[in-house]
C-alpha atoms as a PDB file:
ATOM      1  CA  MET A   1      16.578  45.872  25.941  1.00  0.00           C
ATOM      2  CA  THR A   2      14.051  43.059  25.965  1.00  0.00           C
ATOM      3  CA  ASP A   3      12.763  41.866  22.613  1.00  0.00           C
ATOM      4  CA  LEU A   4       9.409  40.210  21.982  1.00  0.00           C
ATOM      5  CA  THR A   5       8.378  38.376  18.829  1.00  0.00           C
ATOM      6  CA  VAL A   6       4.692  37.575  18.416  1.00  0.00           C
ATOM      7  CA  ILE A   7       4.168  34.567  16.137  1.00  0.00           C
ATOM      8  CA  THR A   8       0.889  33.695  14.414  1.00  0.00           C
ATOM      9  CA  ALA A   9       0.391  30.354  12.695  1.00  0.00           C
ATOM     10  CA  ALA A  10      -2.094  31.529  10.074  1.00  0.00           C
ATOM     11  CA  TRP A  11      -4.972  29.445   8.780  1.00  0.00           C
ATOM     12  CA  ARG A  12      -8.109  31.605   8.950  1.00  0.00           C
ATOM     13  CA  LYS A  13      -8.079  34.968   7.166  1.00  0.00           C
ATOM     14  CA  GLU A  14     -10.608  36.496   9.553  1.00  0.00           C
ATOM     15  CA  GLY A  15      -8.651  35.103  12.491  1.00  0.00           C
ATOM     16  CA  VAL A  16      -5.399  36.751  11.370  1.00  0.00           C
ATOM     17  CA  GLU A  17      -7.201  40.058  10.945  1.00  0.00           C
ATOM     18  CA  ASN A  18      -8.526  39.672  14.503  1.00  0.00           C
ATOM     19  CA  VAL A  19      -4.965  39.062  15.744  1.00  0.00           C
ATOM     20  CA  ILE A  20      -3.742  42.213  14.006  1.00  0.00           C
ATOM     21  CA  SER A  21      -6.608  44.182  15.514  1.00  0.00           C
ATOM     22  CA  GLY A  22      -5.841  42.739  18.953  1.00  0.00           C
ATOM     23  CA  LEU A  23      -2.184  43.692  18.651  1.00  0.00           C
ATOM     24  CA  LYS A  24      -3.144  47.242  17.743  1.00  0.00           C
ATOM     25  CA  ASN A  25      -5.155  47.364  20.976  1.00  0.00           C
ATOM     26  CA  GLN A  26      -2.243  46.299  23.181  1.00  0.00           C
ATOM     27  CA  THR A  27      -1.281  49.045  25.609  1.00  0.00           C
ATOM     28  CA  CYS A  28       2.389  48.262  24.912  1.00  0.00           C
ATOM     29  CA  GLN A  29       3.508  48.331  21.263  1.00  0.00           C
ATOM     30  CA  ASN A  30       7.086  47.123  21.736  1.00  0.00           C
ATOM     31  CA  PHE A  31       7.080  43.899  19.691  1.00  0.00           C
ATOM     32  CA  GLU A  32       7.530  42.493  16.213  1.00  0.00           C
ATOM     33  CA  HIS A  33       4.970  40.228  14.570  1.00  0.00           C
ATOM     34  CA  ILE A  34       5.669  37.273  12.284  1.00  0.00           C
ATOM     35  CA  ILE A  35       2.776  35.680  10.389  1.00  0.00           C
ATOM     36  CA  VAL A  36       3.492  32.186   9.075  1.00  0.00           C
ATOM     37  CA  ASN A  37       1.029  31.023   6.428  1.00  0.00           C
ATOM     38  CA  ASP A  38       0.451  27.333   7.187  1.00  0.00           C
ATOM     39  CA  CYS A  39      -0.393  26.683   3.511  1.00  0.00           C
ATOM     40  CA  SER A  40      -3.927  27.902   4.135  1.00  0.00           C
ATOM     41  CA  PRO A  41      -6.354  27.757   1.183  1.00  0.00           C
ATOM     42  CA  HIS A  42      -8.107  30.780   2.710  1.00  0.00           C
ATOM     43  CA  ILE A  43      -5.104  33.143   2.707  1.00  0.00           C
ATOM     44  CA  THR A  44      -3.442  34.541  -0.408  1.00  0.00           C
ATOM     45  CA  HIS A  45       0.009  35.994  -0.891  1.00  0.00           C
ATOM     46  CA  GLU A  46      -1.681  39.332  -1.497  1.00  0.00           C
ATOM     47  CA  ASP A  47      -3.360  39.075   1.925  1.00  0.00           C
ATOM     48  CA  LEU A  48       0.035  38.596   3.574  1.00  0.00           C
ATOM     49  CA  VAL A  49       1.564  41.531   1.712  1.00  0.00           C
ATOM     50  CA  GLY A  50      -1.386  43.739   2.604  1.00  0.00           C
ATOM     51  CA  TRP A  51      -1.201  42.907   6.308  1.00  0.00           C
ATOM     52  CA  CYS A  52       2.486  43.796   6.462  1.00  0.00           C
ATOM     53  CA  LYS A  53       2.927  46.737   4.099  1.00  0.00           C
ATOM     54  CA  ASP A  54       1.965  49.446   6.589  1.00  0.00           C
ATOM     55  CA  ASN A  55       3.844  48.016   9.579  1.00  0.00           C
ATOM     56  CA  PRO A  56       7.672  47.907   9.439  1.00  0.00           C
ATOM     57  CA  ARG A  57       7.721  45.445  12.334  1.00  0.00           C
ATOM     58  CA  ARG A  58       5.281  42.931  10.829  1.00  0.00           C
ATOM     59  CA  TYR A  59       6.667  40.239   8.528  1.00  0.00           C
ATOM     60  CA  PHE A  60       5.271  37.176   6.797  1.00  0.00           C
ATOM     61  CA  ILE A  61       6.522  33.746   5.773  1.00  0.00           C
ATOM     62  CA  ASP A  62       4.632  32.090   2.937  1.00  0.00           C
ATOM     63  CA  SER A  63       6.095  28.597   3.175  1.00  0.00           C
ATOM     64  CA  GLY A  64       3.728  26.704   0.881  1.00  0.00           C
ATOM     65  CA  ILE A  65       3.944  23.667   3.176  1.00  0.00           C
ATOM     66  CA  ARG A  66       1.142  22.449   5.413  1.00  0.00           C
ATOM     67  CA  GLY A  67       2.822  21.395   8.646  1.00  0.00           C
ATOM     68  CA  GLY A  68      -0.224  19.919  10.346  1.00  0.00           C
ATOM     69  CA  PHE A  69      -0.500  19.099  14.047  1.00  0.00           C
ATOM     70  CA  TYR A  70      -2.307  22.291  14.920  1.00  0.00           C
ATOM     71  CA  GLY A  71       0.326  24.585  13.428  1.00  0.00           C
ATOM     72  CA  SER A  72       3.322  23.249  15.366  1.00  0.00           C
ATOM     73  CA  ALA A  73       5.624  23.406  12.340  1.00  0.00           C
ATOM     74  CA  ALA A  74       4.473  26.922  11.457  1.00  0.00           C
ATOM     75  CA  ARG A  75       5.171  28.113  14.994  1.00  0.00           C
ATOM     76  CA  ASN A  76       8.649  26.587  14.939  1.00  0.00           C
ATOM     77  CA  VAL A  77       9.398  28.297  11.612  1.00  0.00           C
ATOM     78  CA  GLY A  78       8.314  31.633  13.069  1.00  0.00           C
ATOM     79  CA  ALA A  79      10.538  31.096  16.102  1.00  0.00           C
ATOM     80  CA  GLU A  80      13.572  30.280  13.947  1.00  0.00           C
ATOM     81  CA  MET A  81      12.985  33.273  11.698  1.00  0.00           C
ATOM     82  CA  SER A  82      12.648  35.609  14.666  1.00  0.00           C
ATOM     83  CA  PHE A  83      16.427  36.189  14.601  1.00  0.00           C
ATOM     84  CA  ILE A  84      16.563  36.724  10.844  1.00  0.00           C
ATOM     85  CA  TYR A  85      14.521  39.936  10.702  1.00  0.00           C
ATOM     86  CA  PHE A  86      16.332  42.882  12.264  1.00  0.00           C
ATOM     87  CA  ARG A  87      15.221  46.416  12.826  1.00  0.00           C
ATOM     88  CA  GLU A  88      17.279  49.094  11.105  1.00  0.00           C
ATOM     89  CA  GLY A  89      20.577  49.426  12.959  1.00  0.00           C
ATOM     90  CA  ASP A  90      19.793  46.485  15.264  1.00  0.00           C
ATOM     91  CA  ARG A  91      22.242  43.673  14.469  1.00  0.00           C
ATOM     92  CA  VAL A  92      22.725  42.138  17.902  1.00  0.00           C
ATOM     93  CA  ARG A  93      20.171  40.802  20.337  1.00  0.00           C
ATOM     94  CA  SER A  94      20.665  39.465  23.836  1.00  0.00           C
ATOM     95  CA  ASP A  95      19.473  35.876  23.594  1.00  0.00           C
ATOM     96  CA  HIS A  96      18.244  35.573  27.173  1.00  0.00           C
ATOM     97  CA  LYS A  97      16.228  38.772  26.765  1.00  0.00           C
ATOM     98  CA  HIS A  98      14.408  37.675  23.636  1.00  0.00           C
ATOM     99  CA  PHE A  99      10.969  36.171  24.240  1.00  0.00           C
ATOM    100  CA  LEU A 100       8.362  34.561  22.019  1.00  0.00           C
ATOM    101  CA  MET A 101       4.588  34.885  22.247  1.00  0.00           C
ATOM    102  CA  PHE A 102       2.280  32.627  20.228  1.00  0.00           C
ATOM    103  CA  TRP A 103      -0.919  34.413  19.275  1.00  0.00           C
ATOM    104  CA  ASP A 104      -3.023  31.933  17.311  1.00  0.00           C
ATOM    105  CA  ASP A 105      -5.647  33.093  14.862  1.00  0.00           C
ATOM    106  CA  ASP A 106      -8.460  31.649  17.015  1.00  0.00           C
ATOM    107  CA  ASN A 107      -7.395  33.238  20.322  1.00  0.00           C
ATOM    108  CA  GLU A 108      -7.643  36.683  21.853  1.00  0.00           C
ATOM    109  CA  PHE A 109      -5.621  38.450  24.539  1.00  0.00           C
ATOM    110  CA  TYR A 110      -6.525  41.231  26.911  1.00  0.00           C
ATOM    111  CA  PRO A 111      -4.955  44.617  26.031  1.00  0.00           C
ATOM    112  CA  GLU A 112      -2.537  44.613  28.996  1.00  0.00           C
ATOM    113  CA  ALA A 113      -0.948  41.220  28.212  1.00  0.00           C
ATOM    114  CA  ILE A 114       2.254  42.482  26.595  1.00  0.00           C
ATOM    115  CA  ALA A 115       2.696  45.381  29.019  1.00  0.00           C
ATOM    116  CA  ASP A 116       2.330  42.954  31.942  1.00  0.00           C
ATOM    117  CA  PHE A 117       4.974  40.700  30.389  1.00  0.00           C
ATOM    118  CA  TYR A 118       7.510  43.537  30.206  1.00  0.00           C
ATOM    119  CA  ASP A 119       6.827  44.555  33.803  1.00  0.00           C
ATOM    120  CA  ALA A 120       7.220  40.947  34.963  1.00  0.00           C
ATOM    121  CA  PHE A 121      10.509  40.485  33.117  1.00  0.00           C
ATOM    122  CA  ALA A 122      11.886  43.757  34.478  1.00  0.00           C
ATOM    123  CA  ALA A 123      11.335  42.335  37.966  1.00  0.00           C
ATOM    124  CA  ASN A 124      12.529  38.804  37.081  1.00  0.00           C
ATOM    125  CA  GLN A 125      15.556  38.983  34.787  1.00  0.00           C
ATOM    126  CA  ASN A 126      16.178  35.207  34.911  1.00  0.00           C
ATOM    127  CA  ALA A 127      12.645  34.310  33.813  1.00  0.00           C
ATOM    128  CA  VAL A 128      12.266  31.464  31.325  1.00  0.00           C
ATOM    129  CA  LEU A 129       8.477  31.366  31.159  1.00  0.00           C
ATOM    130  CA  ILE A 130       6.167  34.240  32.067  1.00  0.00           C
ATOM    131  CA  GLY A 131       2.409  33.802  32.317  1.00  0.00           C
ATOM    132  CA  ALA A 132      -0.640  35.301  33.947  1.00  0.00           C
ATOM    133  CA  GLU A 133      -2.267  33.579  36.907  1.00  0.00           C
ATOM    134  CA  PHE A 134      -5.472  32.860  34.990  1.00  0.00           C
ATOM    135  CA  TRP A 135      -6.749  32.187  31.491  1.00  0.00           C
ATOM    136  CA  GLU A 136     -10.353  32.105  30.327  1.00  0.00           C
ATOM    137  CA  ILE A 137     -12.209  29.564  28.212  1.00  0.00           C
ATOM    138  CA  PHE A 138     -15.180  30.708  26.139  1.00  0.00           C
ATOM    139  CA  GLY A 139     -17.639  28.456  24.338  1.00  0.00           C
ATOM    140  CA  THR A 140     -17.828  28.611  20.559  1.00  0.00           C
ATOM    141  CA  LYS A 141     -21.129  26.708  20.349  1.00  0.00           C
ATOM    142  CA  ASP A 142     -22.531  27.710  23.727  1.00  0.00           C
ATOM    143  CA  LYS A 143     -22.122  31.465  23.816  1.00  0.00           C
ATOM    144  CA  ASP A 144     -22.938  31.525  27.532  1.00  0.00           C
ATOM    145  CA  TYR A 145     -20.128  29.167  28.476  1.00  0.00           C
ATOM    146  CA  ARG A 146     -17.242  30.876  30.248  1.00  0.00           C
ATOM    147  CA  HIS A 147     -14.722  29.379  32.639  1.00  0.00           C
ATOM    148  CA  LYS A 148     -11.691  30.908  34.341  1.00  0.00           C
ATOM    149  CA  MET A 149      -8.781  28.506  34.793  1.00  0.00           C
ATOM    150  CA  LYS A 150      -5.669  28.623  36.961  1.00  0.00           C
ATOM    151  CA  ASN A 151      -2.615  28.735  34.691  1.00  0.00           C
ATOM    152  CA  LYS A 152      -0.555  25.693  35.760  1.00  0.00           C
ATOM    153  CA  ILE A 153       2.001  23.584  33.917  1.00  0.00           C
ATOM    154  CA  LEU A 154      -0.137  20.492  34.267  1.00  0.00           C
ATOM    155  CA  GLY A 155      -2.062  18.475  31.711  1.00  0.00           C
ATOM    156  CA  GLN A 156      -5.132  20.355  30.456  1.00  0.00           C
ATOM    157  CA  GLN A 157      -4.404  23.188  32.896  1.00  0.00           C
ATOM    158  CA  CYS A 158      -2.505  25.409  30.467  1.00  0.00           C
ATOM    159  CA  ASP A 159      -2.374  26.457  26.826  1.00  0.00           C
ATOM    160  CA  LEU A 160       0.582  27.337  24.601  1.00  0.00           C
ATOM    161  CA  GLY A 161      -0.728  30.921  24.434  1.00  0.00           C
ATOM    162  CA  GLY A 162      -0.738  31.218  28.207  1.00  0.00           C
ATOM    163  CA  PHE A 163       3.008  31.877  28.462  1.00  0.00           C
ATOM    164  CA  PHE A 164       5.778  34.030  27.034  1.00  0.00           C
ATOM    165  CA  TYR A 165       8.766  31.812  26.141  1.00  0.00           C
ATOM    166  CA  ARG A 166      12.432  32.729  26.427  1.00  0.00           C
ATOM    167  CA  ARG A 167      13.766  32.019  22.971  1.00  0.00           C
ATOM    168  CA  ASP A 168      17.118  30.406  23.814  1.00  0.00           C
ATOM    169  CA  ILE A 169      15.476  27.840  26.109  1.00  0.00           C
ATOM    170  CA  PHE A 170      12.728  27.264  23.527  1.00  0.00           C
ATOM    171  CA  LYS A 171      15.432  26.451  20.998  1.00  0.00           C
ATOM    172  CA  LYS A 172      17.358  24.172  23.382  1.00  0.00           C
ATOM    173  CA  CYS A 173      14.143  22.211  23.935  1.00  0.00           C
ATOM    174  CA  GLY A 174      13.655  21.693  20.196  1.00  0.00           C
ATOM    175  CA  GLY A 175      10.493  23.757  19.896  1.00  0.00           C
ATOM    176  CA  PHE A 176       7.057  22.211  19.504  1.00  0.00           C
ATOM    177  CA  ASP A 177       7.329  18.485  18.785  1.00  0.00           C
ATOM    178  CA  PRO A 178       4.079  16.499  18.449  1.00  0.00           C
ATOM    179  CA  PHE A 179       6.177  13.314  18.204  1.00  0.00           C
ATOM    180  CA  TYR A 180       8.131  13.938  21.424  1.00  0.00           C
ATOM    181  CA  GLY A 181       8.836  10.637  23.169  1.00  0.00           C
ATOM    182  CA  GLY A 182       7.839   8.622  20.102  1.00  0.00           C
ATOM    183  CA  GLU A 183       4.121   9.285  20.479  1.00  0.00           C
ATOM    184  CA  VAL A 184       1.772  11.469  18.466  1.00  0.00           C
ATOM    185  CA  HIS A 185       0.612  13.892  21.139  1.00  0.00           C
ATOM    186  CA  LYS A 186      -1.479  16.227  18.986  1.00  0.00           C
ATOM    187  CA  ILE A 187      -3.394  18.266  21.574  1.00  0.00           C
ATOM    188  CA  VAL A 188      -0.840  17.992  24.405  1.00  0.00           C
ATOM    189  CA  TYR A 189       2.380  18.705  22.507  1.00  0.00           C
ATOM    190  CA  ASP A 190       2.426  22.255  23.855  1.00  0.00           C
ATOM    191  CA  PHE A 191       2.282  20.916  27.415  1.00  0.00           C
ATOM    192  CA  GLU A 192       5.259  18.659  26.633  1.00  0.00           C
ATOM    193  CA  LEU A 193       7.274  21.705  25.529  1.00  0.00           C
ATOM    194  CA  LEU A 194       6.373  23.640  28.665  1.00  0.00           C
ATOM    195  CA  LYS A 195       7.570  20.733  30.806  1.00  0.00           C
ATOM    196  CA  ARG A 196      10.871  20.564  28.928  1.00  0.00           C
ATOM    197  CA  MET A 197      11.369  24.308  29.318  1.00  0.00           C
ATOM    198  CA  VAL A 198      10.894  23.997  33.076  1.00  0.00           C
ATOM    199  CA  GLU A 199      13.437  21.153  33.151  1.00  0.00           C
ATOM    200  CA  LYS A 200      15.977  23.163  31.123  1.00  0.00           C
ATOM    201  CA  GLY A 201      15.394  26.566  32.675  1.00  0.00           C
ATOM    202  CA  GLY A 202      14.435  25.659  36.247  1.00  0.00           C
ATOM    203  CA  LYS A 203      11.072  25.822  37.964  1.00  0.00           C
ATOM    204  CA  ASP A 204      12.214  28.837  39.977  1.00  0.00           C
ATOM    205  CA  ASN A 205      12.408  30.769  36.696  1.00  0.00           C
ATOM    206  CA  VAL A 206       8.732  30.280  35.871  1.00  0.00           C
ATOM    207  CA  VAL A 207       7.030  33.585  36.648  1.00  0.00           C
ATOM    208  CA  ILE A 208       3.280  33.695  37.230  1.00  0.00           C
ATOM    209  CA  ILE A 209       1.857  37.220  37.344  1.00  0.00           C
ATOM    210  CA  PRO A 210      -0.592  37.248  40.281  1.00  0.00           C
ATOM    211  CA  GLY A 211      -4.204  38.276  39.802  1.00  0.00           C
ATOM    212  CA  LYS A 212      -3.883  38.710  36.026  1.00  0.00           C
ATOM    213  CA  THR A 213      -5.828  37.146  33.159  1.00  0.00           C
ATOM    214  CA  HIS A 214      -4.315  37.395  29.668  1.00  0.00           C
ATOM    215  CA  LEU A 215      -5.611  34.706  27.329  1.00  0.00           C
ATOM    216  CA  LYS A 216      -9.102  34.215  25.915  1.00  0.00           C
ATOM    217  CA  PHE A 217      -9.307  30.640  24.614  1.00  0.00           C
ATOM    218  CA  PHE A 218     -12.297  29.715  22.455  1.00  0.00           C
ATOM    219  CA  HIS A 219     -13.280  26.056  22.936  1.00  0.00           C
ATOM    220  CA  LYS A 220     -14.531  24.562  19.668  1.00  0.00           C
ATOM    221  CA  GLU A 221     -16.438  21.686  21.305  1.00  0.00           C
ATOM    222  CA  ARG A 222     -18.364  23.740  23.863  1.00  0.00           C
END
């Protein structure tokens, strides 16, 4: 059985609520959800409890530490904790069949995203990264701005939310590291991880689902 953990680095209360709503709208409901509070002043412990109390497969981590660098530390914490929480009677998971999805509190996904992932993995059992062919950028300031991008593992051609990550390779690569190579990458640290995952897992194990668009990315400067 394939496992999927959806991880949200939480900063905006309204954004987390939008993520939860978006997950409810997914056509496939086979996933667990971990919310990591990135020491947000906008989110209370009571908020976290309330979001999780009615869903046995939603958990929260209230770390009390602000990781910075666009939530990289919070995402890594969620990835590490993804093996700690087990469903009742489920004590063993197949590492190469456990994937991670990072659903940030300022992004949206189309309802078929998770179902498409499962179909793609069923057809590609050695997959390390699975993504849709396209992702869309929407303007936050200019409401009319909309741009469809090819999903490529190239600089400024992809986003961390554009792929599903096989957990064991994610861990071998050290997770998100904004200081990778001795430089402070900030915006491009997710691209650095994707490159390392291709190096570790092999480019032939990167699966792009043809003709599909999954991610809605909201550009704060446009």
